[in-house]
PDB file of N, CA and C in Angstrom:
ATOM      1  N   MET A   1     112.552 -47.361  86.872  1.00  0.00           N
ATOM      2  CA  MET A   1     111.131 -47.464  86.690  1.00  0.00           C
ATOM      3  C   MET A   1     110.360 -46.869  87.881  1.00  0.00           C
ATOM      4  N   MET A   2     109.359 -46.125  87.620  1.00  0.00           N
ATOM      5  CA  MET A   2     108.570 -45.446  88.615  1.00  0.00           C
ATOM      6  C   MET A   2     107.760 -46.453  89.455  1.00  0.00           C
ATOM      7  N   ASN A   3     107.736 -46.263  90.749  1.00  0.00           N
ATOM      8  CA  ASN A   3     106.908 -47.059  91.664  1.00  0.00           C
ATOM      9  C   ASN A   3     105.460 -46.619  91.483  1.00  0.00           C
ATOM     10  N   ILE A   4     104.554 -47.624  91.323  1.00  0.00           N
ATOM     11  CA  ILE A   4     103.118 -47.309  91.209  1.00  0.00           C
ATOM     12  C   ILE A   4     102.398 -47.922  92.457  1.00  0.00           C
ATOM     13  N   ARG A   5     101.748 -47.078  93.153  1.00  0.00           N
ATOM     14  CA  ARG A   5     100.997 -47.445  94.323  1.00  0.00           C
ATOM     15  C   ARG A   5      99.521 -47.236  94.041  1.00  0.00           C
ATOM     16  N   ARG A   6      98.694 -48.222  94.388  1.00  0.00           N
ATOM     17  CA  ARG A   6      97.250 -48.111  94.145  1.00  0.00           C
ATOM     18  C   ARG A   6      96.505 -47.952  95.486  1.00  0.00           C
ATOM     19  N   GLU A   7      95.952 -46.817  95.665  1.00  0.00           N
ATOM     20  CA  GLU A   7      95.161 -46.508  96.842  1.00  0.00           C
ATOM     21  C   GLU A   7      93.797 -45.936  96.310  1.00  0.00           C
ATOM     22  N   ILE A   8      93.057 -46.838  95.620  1.00  0.00           N
ATOM     23  CA  ILE A   8      91.947 -46.397  94.816  1.00  0.00           C
ATOM     24  C   ILE A   8      90.691 -46.219  95.582  1.00  0.00           C
ATOM     25  N   GLU A   9      90.018 -45.173  95.245  1.00  0.00           N
ATOM     26  CA  GLU A   9      88.672 -44.826  95.732  1.00  0.00           C
ATOM     27  C   GLU A   9      87.767 -44.957  94.563  1.00  0.00           C
ATOM     28  N   THR A  10      86.494 -45.332  94.783  1.00  0.00           N
ATOM     29  CA  THR A  10      85.521 -45.316  93.670  1.00  0.00           C
ATOM     30  C   THR A  10      84.296 -44.547  94.094  1.00  0.00           C
ATOM     31  N   GLY A  11      83.339 -44.408  93.270  1.00  0.00           N
ATOM     32  CA  GLY A  11      82.044 -43.769  93.632  1.00  0.00           C
ATOM     33  C   GLY A  11      81.889 -42.438  92.940  1.00  0.00           C
ATOM     34  N   TRP A  12      80.814 -41.764  93.298  1.00  0.00           N
ATOM     35  CA  TRP A  12      80.495 -40.449  92.736  1.00  0.00           C
ATOM     36  C   TRP A  12      81.596 -39.456  93.105  1.00  0.00           C
ATOM     37  N   PRO A  13      81.988 -38.649  92.169  1.00  0.00           N
ATOM     38  CA  PRO A  13      83.043 -37.644  92.438  1.00  0.00           C
ATOM     39  C   PRO A  13      82.728 -36.769  93.656  1.00  0.00           C
ATOM     40  N   SER A  14      81.485 -36.393  93.852  1.00  0.00           N
ATOM     41  CA  SER A  14      81.085 -35.553  94.943  1.00  0.00           C
ATOM     42  C   SER A  14      81.228 -36.224  96.296  1.00  0.00           C
ATOM     43  N   GLN A  15      81.413 -37.541  96.292  1.00  0.00           N
ATOM     44  CA  GLN A  15      81.505 -38.278  97.609  1.00  0.00           C
ATOM     45  C   GLN A  15      82.945 -38.686  97.882  1.00  0.00           C
ATOM     46  N   THR A  16      83.920 -38.124  97.145  1.00  0.00           N
ATOM     47  CA  THR A  16      85.303 -38.530  97.364  1.00  0.00           C
ATOM     48  C   THR A  16      85.996 -37.452  98.274  1.00  0.00           C
ATOM     49  N   ASN A  17      87.155 -37.815  98.818  1.00  0.00           N
ATOM     50  CA  ASN A  17      87.918 -36.849  99.582  1.00  0.00           C
ATOM     51  C   ASN A  17      89.303 -36.700  98.957  1.00  0.00           C
ATOM     52  N   LEU A  18      89.341 -36.559  97.635  1.00  0.00           N
ATOM     53  CA  LEU A  18      90.607 -36.554  96.882  1.00  0.00           C
ATOM     54  C   LEU A  18      91.422 -35.305  97.257  1.00  0.00           C
ATOM     55  N   GLN A  19      90.813 -34.170  97.404  1.00  0.00           N
ATOM     56  CA  GLN A  19      91.621 -32.933  97.726  1.00  0.00           C
ATOM     57  C   GLN A  19      92.369 -33.163  99.047  1.00  0.00           C
ATOM     58  N   GLN A  20      91.760 -33.745 100.036  1.00  0.00           N
ATOM     59  CA  GLN A  20      92.413 -33.978 101.288  1.00  0.00           C
ATOM     60  C   GLN A  20      93.508 -34.966 101.111  1.00  0.00           C
ATOM     61  N   ARG A  21      93.269 -36.017 100.419  1.00  0.00           N
ATOM     62  CA  ARG A  21      94.273 -37.058 100.211  1.00  0.00           C
ATOM     63  C   ARG A  21      95.445 -36.523  99.478  1.00  0.00           C
ATOM     64  N   ILE A  22      95.235 -35.765  98.409  1.00  0.00           N
ATOM     65  CA  ILE A  22      96.328 -35.191  97.582  1.00  0.00           C
ATOM     66  C   ILE A  22      97.113 -34.216  98.460  1.00  0.00           C
ATOM     67  N   SER A  23      96.446 -33.407  99.227  1.00  0.00           N
ATOM     68  CA  SER A  23      97.128 -32.436 100.069  1.00  0.00           C
ATOM     69  C   SER A  23      98.039 -33.105 101.077  1.00  0.00           C
ATOM     70  N   ALA A  24      97.613 -34.267 101.592  1.00  0.00           N
ATOM     71  CA  ALA A  24      98.428 -35.023 102.564  1.00  0.00           C
ATOM     72  C   ALA A  24      99.676 -35.591 101.892  1.00  0.00           C
ATOM     73  N   TYR A  25      99.543 -36.045 100.643  1.00  0.00           N
ATOM     74  CA  TYR A  25     100.647 -36.664  99.944  1.00  0.00           C
ATOM     75  C   TYR A  25     101.658 -35.575  99.427  1.00  0.00           C
ATOM     76  N   THR A  26     101.177 -34.304  99.245  1.00  0.00           N
ATOM     77  CA  THR A  26     102.013 -33.355  98.549  1.00  0.00           C
ATOM     78  C   THR A  26     102.458 -32.175  99.420  1.00  0.00           C
ATOM     79  N   ARG A  27     102.478 -32.433 100.694  1.00  0.00           N
ATOM     80  CA  ARG A  27     102.976 -31.390 101.619  1.00  0.00           C
ATOM     81  C   ARG A  27     104.352 -31.028 101.207  1.00  0.00           C
ATOM     82  N   ALA A  28     104.732 -29.716 101.342  1.00  0.00           N
ATOM     83  CA  ALA A  28     106.044 -29.250 100.925  1.00  0.00           C
ATOM     84  C   ALA A  28     107.230 -29.956 101.512  1.00  0.00           C
ATOM     85  N   ASP A  29     107.029 -30.419 102.808  1.00  0.00           N
ATOM     86  CA  ASP A  29     108.104 -31.098 103.469  1.00  0.00           C
ATOM     87  C   ASP A  29     108.219 -32.579 103.004  1.00  0.00           C
ATOM     88  N   ARG A  30     107.334 -33.065 102.086  1.00  0.00           N
ATOM     89  CA  ARG A  30     107.404 -34.431 101.601  1.00  0.00           C
ATOM     90  C   ARG A  30     107.762 -34.563 100.167  1.00  0.00           C
ATOM     91  N   VAL A  31     107.453 -33.589  99.359  1.00  0.00           N
ATOM     92  CA  VAL A  31     107.678 -33.644  97.907  1.00  0.00           C
ATOM     93  C   VAL A  31     108.282 -32.373  97.374  1.00  0.00           C
ATOM     94  N   ALA A  32     109.079 -32.525  96.308  1.00  0.00           N
ATOM     95  CA  ALA A  32     109.628 -31.404  95.625  1.00  0.00           C
ATOM     96  C   ALA A  32     108.670 -30.846  94.584  1.00  0.00           C
ATOM     97  N   LYS A  33     107.875 -31.744  93.948  1.00  0.00           N
ATOM     98  CA  LYS A  33     106.927 -31.369  92.932  1.00  0.00           C
ATOM     99  C   LYS A  33     105.960 -32.498  92.707  1.00  0.00           C
ATOM    100  N   PHE A  34     104.809 -32.177  92.102  1.00  0.00           N
ATOM    101  CA  PHE A  34     103.747 -33.176  91.870  1.00  0.00           C
ATOM    102  C   PHE A  34     102.882 -32.719  90.691  1.00  0.00           C
ATOM    103  N   LYS A  35     102.145 -33.717  90.188  1.00  0.00           N
ATOM    104  CA  LYS A  35     101.230 -33.443  89.030  1.00  0.00           C
ATOM    105  C   LYS A  35     100.009 -34.322  89.199  1.00  0.00           C
ATOM    106  N   VAL A  36      98.884 -33.842  88.806  1.00  0.00           N
ATOM    107  CA  VAL A  36      97.634 -34.579  88.851  1.00  0.00           C
ATOM    108  C   VAL A  36      97.337 -34.983  87.366  1.00  0.00           C
ATOM    109  N   GLY A  37      96.872 -36.213  87.148  1.00  0.00           N
ATOM    110  CA  GLY A  37      96.628 -36.621  85.783  1.00  0.00           C
ATOM    111  C   GLY A  37      95.602 -37.703  85.775  1.00  0.00           C
ATOM    112  N   ILE A  38      95.205 -38.064  84.506  1.00  0.00           N
ATOM    113  CA  ILE A  38      94.184 -39.203  84.271  1.00  0.00           C
ATOM    114  C   ILE A  38      94.766 -40.100  83.192  1.00  0.00           C
ATOM    115  N   THR A  39      94.356 -41.358  83.274  1.00  0.00           N
ATOM    116  CA  THR A  39      94.734 -42.281  82.285  1.00  0.00           C
ATOM    117  C   THR A  39      93.851 -43.457  82.331  1.00  0.00           C
ATOM    118  N   ASN A  40      93.917 -44.331  81.269  1.00  0.00           N
ATOM    119  CA  ASN A  40      93.174 -45.572  81.320  1.00  0.00           C
ATOM    120  C   ASN A  40      94.209 -46.709  81.406  1.00  0.00           C
ATOM    121  N   ASN A  41      95.468 -46.355  81.521  1.00  0.00           N
ATOM    122  CA  ASN A  41      96.543 -47.417  81.666  1.00  0.00           C
ATOM    123  C   ASN A  41      97.696 -46.839  82.542  1.00  0.00           C
ATOM    124  N   PRO A  42      97.549 -47.031  83.856  1.00  0.00           N
ATOM    125  CA  PRO A  42      98.597 -46.421  84.787  1.00  0.00           C
ATOM    126  C   PRO A  42     100.045 -46.905  84.436  1.00  0.00           C
ATOM    127  N   GLN A  43     100.253 -48.086  84.060  1.00  0.00           N
ATOM    128  CA  GLN A  43     101.632 -48.610  83.787  1.00  0.00           C
ATOM    129  C   GLN A  43     102.243 -47.830  82.594  1.00  0.00           C
ATOM    130  N   ALA A  44     101.461 -47.761  81.552  1.00  0.00           N
ATOM    131  CA  ALA A  44     101.933 -47.032  80.333  1.00  0.00           C
ATOM    132  C   ALA A  44     102.143 -45.541  80.637  1.00  0.00           C
ATOM    133  N   ARG A  45     101.234 -44.967  81.329  1.00  0.00           N
ATOM    134  CA  ARG A  45     101.403 -43.524  81.710  1.00  0.00           C
ATOM    135  C   ARG A  45     102.582 -43.296  82.537  1.00  0.00           C
ATOM    136  N   ALA A  46     102.863 -44.115  83.539  1.00  0.00           N
ATOM    137  CA  ALA A  46     104.023 -44.013  84.367  1.00  0.00           C
ATOM    138  C   ALA A  46     105.299 -44.109  83.515  1.00  0.00           C
ATOM    139  N   ALA A  47     105.341 -44.964  82.599  1.00  0.00           N
ATOM    140  CA  ALA A  47     106.536 -45.121  81.725  1.00  0.00           C
ATOM    141  C   ALA A  47     106.763 -43.863  80.897  1.00  0.00           C
ATOM    142  N   ASN A  48     105.703 -43.123  80.532  1.00  0.00           N
ATOM    143  CA  ASN A  48     105.855 -41.914  79.764  1.00  0.00           C
ATOM    144  C   ASN A  48     106.610 -40.783  80.524  1.00  0.00           C
ATOM    145  N   TYR A  49     106.563 -40.854  81.885  1.00  0.00           N
ATOM    146  CA  TYR A  49     107.150 -39.766  82.662  1.00  0.00           C
ATOM    147  C   TYR A  49     108.689 -39.924  82.789  1.00  0.00           C
ATOM    148  N   GLY A  50     109.231 -41.060  82.408  1.00  0.00           N
ATOM    149  CA  GLY A  50     110.682 -41.233  82.540  1.00  0.00           C
ATOM    150  C   GLY A  50     111.154 -41.139  83.976  1.00  0.00           C
ATOM    151  N   ASN A  51     112.101 -40.262  84.163  1.00  0.00           N
ATOM    152  CA  ASN A  51     112.653 -40.053  85.472  1.00  0.00           C
ATOM    153  C   ASN A  51     112.219 -38.719  86.131  1.00  0.00           C
ATOM    154  N   ALA A  52     111.221 -38.099  85.526  1.00  0.00           N
ATOM    155  CA  ALA A  52     110.788 -36.809  86.041  1.00  0.00           C
ATOM    156  C   ALA A  52     110.123 -36.891  87.382  1.00  0.00           C
ATOM    157  N   TYR A  53     109.529 -38.058  87.747  1.00  0.00           N
ATOM    158  CA  TYR A  53     108.898 -38.320  89.012  1.00  0.00           C
ATOM    159  C   TYR A  53     109.322 -39.599  89.564  1.00  0.00           C
ATOM    160  N   ASP A  54     109.132 -39.814  90.838  1.00  0.00           N
ATOM    161  CA  ASP A  54     109.557 -41.056  91.534  1.00  0.00           C
ATOM    162  C   ASP A  54     108.430 -42.026  91.740  1.00  0.00           C
ATOM    163  N   GLU A  55     107.233 -41.550  91.929  1.00  0.00           N
ATOM    164  CA  GLU A  55     106.113 -42.390  92.267  1.00  0.00           C
ATOM    165  C   GLU A  55     104.827 -41.890  91.731  1.00  0.00           C
ATOM    166  N   MET A  56     103.957 -42.887  91.337  1.00  0.00           N
ATOM    167  CA  MET A  56     102.625 -42.586  90.944  1.00  0.00           C
ATOM    168  C   MET A  56     101.699 -43.245  91.984  1.00  0.00           C
ATOM    169  N   ILE A  57     100.686 -42.423  92.420  1.00  0.00           N
ATOM    170  CA  ILE A  57      99.680 -42.957  93.376  1.00  0.00           C
ATOM    171  C   ILE A  57      98.379 -42.887  92.588  1.00  0.00           C
ATOM    172  N   VAL A  58      97.786 -44.048  92.289  1.00  0.00           N
ATOM    173  CA  VAL A  58      96.469 -44.110  91.605  1.00  0.00           C
ATOM    174  C   VAL A  58      95.405 -43.963  92.687  1.00  0.00           C
ATOM    175  N   LEU A  59      94.605 -42.844  92.564  1.00  0.00           N
ATOM    176  CA  LEU A  59      93.680 -42.521  93.648  1.00  0.00           C
ATOM    177  C   LEU A  59      92.246 -42.783  93.393  1.00  0.00           C
ATOM    178  N   TYR A  60      91.841 -42.821  92.104  1.00  0.00           N
ATOM    179  CA  TYR A  60      90.405 -42.893  91.808  1.00  0.00           C
ATOM    180  C   TYR A  60      90.187 -43.708  90.554  1.00  0.00           C
ATOM    181  N   GLU A  61      89.143 -44.515  90.549  1.00  0.00           N
ATOM    182  CA  GLU A  61      88.775 -45.327  89.401  1.00  0.00           C
ATOM    183  C   GLU A  61      87.262 -45.144  89.088  1.00  0.00           C
ATOM    184  N   THR A  62      86.976 -45.027  87.804  1.00  0.00           N
ATOM    185  CA  THR A  62      85.604 -44.903  87.369  1.00  0.00           C
ATOM    186  C   THR A  62      85.468 -45.429  85.939  1.00  0.00           C
ATOM    187  N   ARG A  63      84.278 -45.804  85.591  1.00  0.00           N
ATOM    188  CA  ARG A  63      83.989 -46.224  84.251  1.00  0.00           C
ATOM    189  C   ARG A  63      83.534 -44.976  83.413  1.00  0.00           C
ATOM    190  N   SER A  64      83.405 -43.838  84.029  1.00  0.00           N
ATOM    191  CA  SER A  64      82.876 -42.640  83.367  1.00  0.00           C
ATOM    192  C   SER A  64      84.029 -41.684  82.935  1.00  0.00           C
ATOM    193  N   ASP A  65      84.200 -41.553  81.658  1.00  0.00           N
ATOM    194  CA  ASP A  65      85.176 -40.618  81.116  1.00  0.00           C
ATOM    195  C   ASP A  65      84.787 -39.204  81.624  1.00  0.00           C
ATOM    196  N   ASP A  66      83.525 -38.858  81.641  1.00  0.00           N
ATOM    197  CA  ASP A  66      83.158 -37.560  82.112  1.00  0.00           C
ATOM    198  C   ASP A  66      83.503 -37.293  83.588  1.00  0.00           C
ATOM    199  N   HIS A  67      83.299 -38.261  84.441  1.00  0.00           N
ATOM    200  CA  HIS A  67      83.611 -38.130  85.865  1.00  0.00           C
ATOM    201  C   HIS A  67      85.136 -37.947  86.057  1.00  0.00           C
ATOM    202  N   VAL A  68      85.967 -38.755  85.432  1.00  0.00           N
ATOM    203  CA  VAL A  68      87.361 -38.625  85.686  1.00  0.00           C
ATOM    204  C   VAL A  68      87.874 -37.284  85.076  1.00  0.00           C
ATOM    205  N   ARG A  69      87.346 -36.794  83.990  1.00  0.00           N
ATOM    206  CA  ARG A  69      87.799 -35.503  83.440  1.00  0.00           C
ATOM    207  C   ARG A  69      87.291 -34.386  84.289  1.00  0.00           C
ATOM    208  N   THR A  70      86.103 -34.510  84.846  1.00  0.00           N
ATOM    209  CA  THR A  70      85.657 -33.451  85.754  1.00  0.00           C
ATOM    210  C   THR A  70      86.465 -33.339  86.991  1.00  0.00           C
ATOM    211  N   MET A  71      86.836 -34.503  87.568  1.00  0.00           N
ATOM    212  CA  MET A  71      87.684 -34.591  88.722  1.00  0.00           C
ATOM    213  C   MET A  71      89.033 -33.976  88.460  1.00  0.00           C
ATOM    214  N   GLU A  72      89.618 -34.301  87.309  1.00  0.00           N
ATOM    215  CA  GLU A  72      90.915 -33.802  86.961  1.00  0.00           C
ATOM    216  C   GLU A  72      90.897 -32.243  86.823  1.00  0.00           C
ATOM    217  N   SER A  73      89.844 -31.768  86.236  1.00  0.00           N
ATOM    218  CA  SER A  73      89.707 -30.279  86.028  1.00  0.00           C
ATOM    219  C   SER A  73      89.592 -29.620  87.386  1.00  0.00           C
ATOM    220  N   ILE A  74      88.750 -30.153  88.288  1.00  0.00           N
ATOM    221  CA  ILE A  74      88.564 -29.522  89.601  1.00  0.00           C
ATOM    222  C   ILE A  74      89.892 -29.541  90.352  1.00  0.00           C
ATOM    223  N   LEU A  75      90.633 -30.646  90.312  1.00  0.00           N
ATOM    224  CA  LEU A  75      91.842 -30.739  91.104  1.00  0.00           C
ATOM    225  C   LEU A  75      93.007 -29.902  90.497  1.00  0.00           C
ATOM    226  N   THR A  76      93.102 -29.868  89.192  1.00  0.00           N
ATOM    227  CA  THR A  76      94.232 -29.027  88.608  1.00  0.00           C
ATOM    228  C   THR A  76      93.922 -27.560  88.867  1.00  0.00           C
ATOM    229  N   GLN A  77      92.667 -27.197  88.894  1.00  0.00           N
ATOM    230  CA  GLN A  77      92.351 -25.770  89.227  1.00  0.00           C
ATOM    231  C   GLN A  77      92.674 -25.512  90.709  1.00  0.00           C
ATOM    232  N   TYR A  78      92.257 -26.475  91.544  1.00  0.00           N
ATOM    233  CA  TYR A  78      92.539 -26.308  92.965  1.00  0.00           C
ATOM    234  C   TYR A  78      93.998 -26.153  93.331  1.00  0.00           C
ATOM    235  N   TYR A  79      94.867 -26.923  92.627  1.00  0.00           N
ATOM    236  CA  TYR A  79      96.276 -26.911  92.883  1.00  0.00           C
ATOM    237  C   TYR A  79      97.096 -26.058  91.907  1.00  0.00           C
ATOM    238  N   ARG A  80      96.377 -25.166  91.185  1.00  0.00           N
ATOM    239  CA  ARG A  80      97.023 -24.274  90.258  1.00  0.00           C
ATOM    240  C   ARG A  80      98.087 -23.445  90.996  1.00  0.00           C
ATOM    241  N   GLY A  81      99.251 -23.370  90.403  1.00  0.00           N
ATOM    242  CA  GLY A  81     100.341 -22.577  90.980  1.00  0.00           C
ATOM    243  C   GLY A  81     101.277 -23.407  91.900  1.00  0.00           C
ATOM    244  N   ILE A  82     100.800 -24.489  92.397  1.00  0.00           N
ATOM    245  CA  ILE A  82     101.753 -25.347  93.227  1.00  0.00           C
ATOM    246  C   ILE A  82     101.990 -26.704  92.615  1.00  0.00           C
ATOM    247  N   SER A  83     101.195 -27.071  91.641  1.00  0.00           N
ATOM    248  CA  SER A  83     101.434 -28.364  90.924  1.00  0.00           C
ATOM    249  C   SER A  83     102.205 -28.081  89.662  1.00  0.00           C
ATOM    250  N   ASP A  84     102.643 -29.171  89.056  1.00  0.00           N
ATOM    251  CA  ASP A  84     103.300 -29.067  87.737  1.00  0.00           C
ATOM    252  C   ASP A  84     102.311 -28.980  86.520  1.00  0.00           C
ATOM    253  N   ASN A  85     101.021 -29.072  86.841  1.00  0.00           N
ATOM    254  CA  ASN A  85     100.032 -29.022  85.756  1.00  0.00           C
ATOM    255  C   ASN A  85     100.105 -27.655  85.056  1.00  0.00           C
ATOM    256  N   VAL A  86     100.128 -27.641  83.742  1.00  0.00           N
ATOM    257  CA  VAL A  86     100.148 -26.360  83.002  1.00  0.00           C
ATOM    258  C   VAL A  86      98.797 -25.942  82.440  1.00  0.00           C
ATOM    259  N   ASN A  87      97.835 -26.879  82.454  1.00  0.00           N
ATOM    260  CA  ASN A  87      96.454 -26.548  82.094  1.00  0.00           C
ATOM    261  C   ASN A  87      95.501 -27.226  83.023  1.00  0.00           C
ATOM    262  N   ASP A  88      94.202 -27.065  82.819  1.00  0.00           N
ATOM    263  CA  ASP A  88      93.217 -27.573  83.729  1.00  0.00           C
ATOM    264  C   ASP A  88      92.741 -28.982  83.377  1.00  0.00           C
ATOM    265  N   GLY A  89      93.594 -29.788  82.785  1.00  0.00           N
ATOM    266  CA  GLY A  89      93.255 -31.187  82.562  1.00  0.00           C
ATOM    267  C   GLY A  89      92.910 -31.359  81.091  1.00  0.00           C
ATOM    268  N   GLY A  90      92.491 -32.582  80.832  1.00  0.00           N
ATOM    269  CA  GLY A  90      92.044 -32.908  79.462  1.00  0.00           C
ATOM    270  C   GLY A  90      93.110 -33.541  78.560  1.00  0.00           C
ATOM    271  N   GLY A  91      94.338 -33.700  79.115  1.00  0.00           N
ATOM    272  CA  GLY A  91      95.444 -34.217  78.330  1.00  0.00           C
ATOM    273  C   GLY A  91      95.538 -35.707  78.297  1.00  0.00           C
ATOM    274  N   GLY A  92      94.779 -36.396  79.124  1.00  0.00           N
ATOM    275  CA  GLY A  92      94.853 -37.824  79.144  1.00  0.00           C
ATOM    276  C   GLY A  92      94.241 -38.490  77.976  1.00  0.00           C
ATOM    277  N   PRO A  93      94.612 -39.723  77.652  1.00  0.00           N
ATOM    278  CA  PRO A  93      94.004 -40.423  76.576  1.00  0.00           C
ATOM    279  C   PRO A  93      92.591 -40.783  76.740  1.00  0.00           C
ATOM    280  N   ARG A  94      91.846 -40.774  75.639  1.00  0.00           N
ATOM    281  CA  ARG A  94      90.395 -41.139  75.729  1.00  0.00           C
ATOM    282  C   ARG A  94      90.299 -42.652  75.923  1.00  0.00           C
ATOM    283  N   GLY A  95      90.627 -43.441  75.013  1.00  0.00           N
ATOM    284  CA  GLY A  95      90.607 -44.903  75.125  1.00  0.00           C
ATOM    285  C   GLY A  95      89.358 -45.433  75.787  1.00  0.00           C
ATOM    286  N   THR A  96      89.418 -46.688  76.211  1.00  0.00           N
ATOM    287  CA  THR A  96      88.257 -47.362  76.865  1.00  0.00           C
ATOM    288  C   THR A  96      88.555 -47.425  78.374  1.00  0.00           C
ATOM    289  N   GLY A  97      87.519 -47.445  79.192  1.00  0.00           N
ATOM    290  CA  GLY A  97      87.681 -47.520  80.647  1.00  0.00           C
ATOM    291  C   GLY A  97      88.053 -48.873  81.111  1.00  0.00           C
ATOM    292  N   PRO A  98      88.349 -49.038  82.388  1.00  0.00           N
ATOM    293  CA  PRO A  98      88.130 -48.008  83.396  1.00  0.00           C
ATOM    294  C   PRO A  98      89.178 -46.866  83.344  1.00  0.00           C
ATOM    295  N   TYR A  99      88.818 -45.745  83.907  1.00  0.00           N
ATOM    296  CA  TYR A  99      89.698 -44.572  83.908  1.00  0.00           C
ATOM    297  C   TYR A  99      90.192 -44.301  85.307  1.00  0.00           C
ATOM    298  N   TYR A 100      91.429 -43.738  85.406  1.00  0.00           N
ATOM    299  CA  TYR A 100      92.010 -43.546  86.676  1.00  0.00           C
ATOM    300  C   TYR A 100      92.499 -42.103  86.861  1.00  0.00           C
ATOM    301  N   LEU A 101      92.379 -41.590  88.043  1.00  0.00           N
ATOM    302  CA  LEU A 101      92.952 -40.324  88.373  1.00  0.00           C
ATOM    303  C   LEU A 101      94.176 -40.589  89.289  1.00  0.00           C
ATOM    304  N   TYR A 102      95.254 -39.932  89.037  1.00  0.00           N
ATOM    305  CA  TYR A 102      96.524 -40.250  89.761  1.00  0.00           C
ATOM    306  C   TYR A 102      97.264 -38.993  90.093  1.00  0.00           C
ATOM    307  N   ILE A 103      98.271 -39.092  90.963  1.00  0.00           N
ATOM    308  CA  ILE A 103      99.192 -38.050  91.179  1.00  0.00           C
ATOM    309  C   ILE A 103     100.627 -38.653  90.938  1.00  0.00           C
ATOM    310  N   VAL A 104     101.547 -37.883  90.449  1.00  0.00           N
ATOM    311  CA  VAL A 104     102.905 -38.342  90.388  1.00  0.00           C
ATOM    312  C   VAL A 104     103.697 -37.360  91.272  1.00  0.00           C
ATOM    313  N   LEU A 105     104.688 -38.002  91.973  1.00  0.00           N
ATOM    314  CA  LEU A 105     105.439 -37.248  92.988  1.00  0.00           C
ATOM    315  C   LEU A 105     106.953 -37.294  92.731  1.00  0.00           C
ATOM    316  N   LYS A 106     107.554 -36.228  92.950  1.00  0.00           N
ATOM    317  CA  LYS A 106     109.092 -36.187  92.951  1.00  0.00           C
ATOM    318  C   LYS A 106     109.492 -35.880  94.338  1.00  0.00           C
ATOM    319  N   ARG A 107     110.260 -36.759  94.968  1.00  0.00           N
ATOM    320  CA  ARG A 107     110.610 -36.522  96.393  1.00  0.00           C
ATOM    321  C   ARG A 107     111.769 -35.553  96.493  1.00  0.00           C
TER     322      ARG A 107
END
């Protein structure tokens, strides 16, 4: 089972430092691969990854579906080519909030 760590930030997306935090977690000397995603249920989402990743770090929480989707799109575009994301976001379940932005890491 994947380890889930919660290091949650809240607030307006423009006031977060998620890019810096993700870059620190995903340095090439620390991880083999990573992916950015969104969910309204971190435990269920972690279970869906099986053994593909070792750890999920939940980074951001909001009640706004629009905010979490915007953040995911910005971050997947920023990390395009170095993350495992194949599109610019939008794959997470709609469901009800709160909504979370996370990264999954393979050591």
